[in-house]
Amino acid sequence: MSLGPHYAWVLSGRYEVLQDHGPRAEFEVFVADYGAELFSLSTLDRPAYGRSFMQRLRLARYVQSRAQKFDAIIASGEDIGILLALASLFGTVKTPIHMLFHGHHLESRKLRVLAPLLRRMPSRIALR
């Protein structure tokens, strides 16, 4: 059991643990090094294939319902990160959400529209 902070890492797609001992993704290293809990579409009771909006919304609500267990939630992409931020508005837990995404997404129409809204949200959500 880790004595340090407890993190949740959320992927927007499905994730199946591979037994391969080759190169690992950054989230796999983070989860292994820091004892984080990994969430993906595979985590849901009735996992569905594909990456539809409703499936990601269900995942965001699932993670948000467990947010009190974590010191921070790390979202691997703006598609799930924005949904987590919106889901947090309806909860009482104030767990910080950190979104990771590639630089070329900073110029996307979606982020240009949503960034000003996210910046006006309560200080527990940071967009820099």
Foldseek 3Di string as FASTA:
>chain_A
DDPDFEEEEEEQADDDDDPDPDDDDPVVVCCVVRVYHYYYLNPDPDRDHDRDLVSLLVSLLVCLVVLVRGQAYEYEAPSSQVSVLVNVVPDDDLRAYHYDDDPVCCPPPVCVVCVVVQVPDPPSYDDD
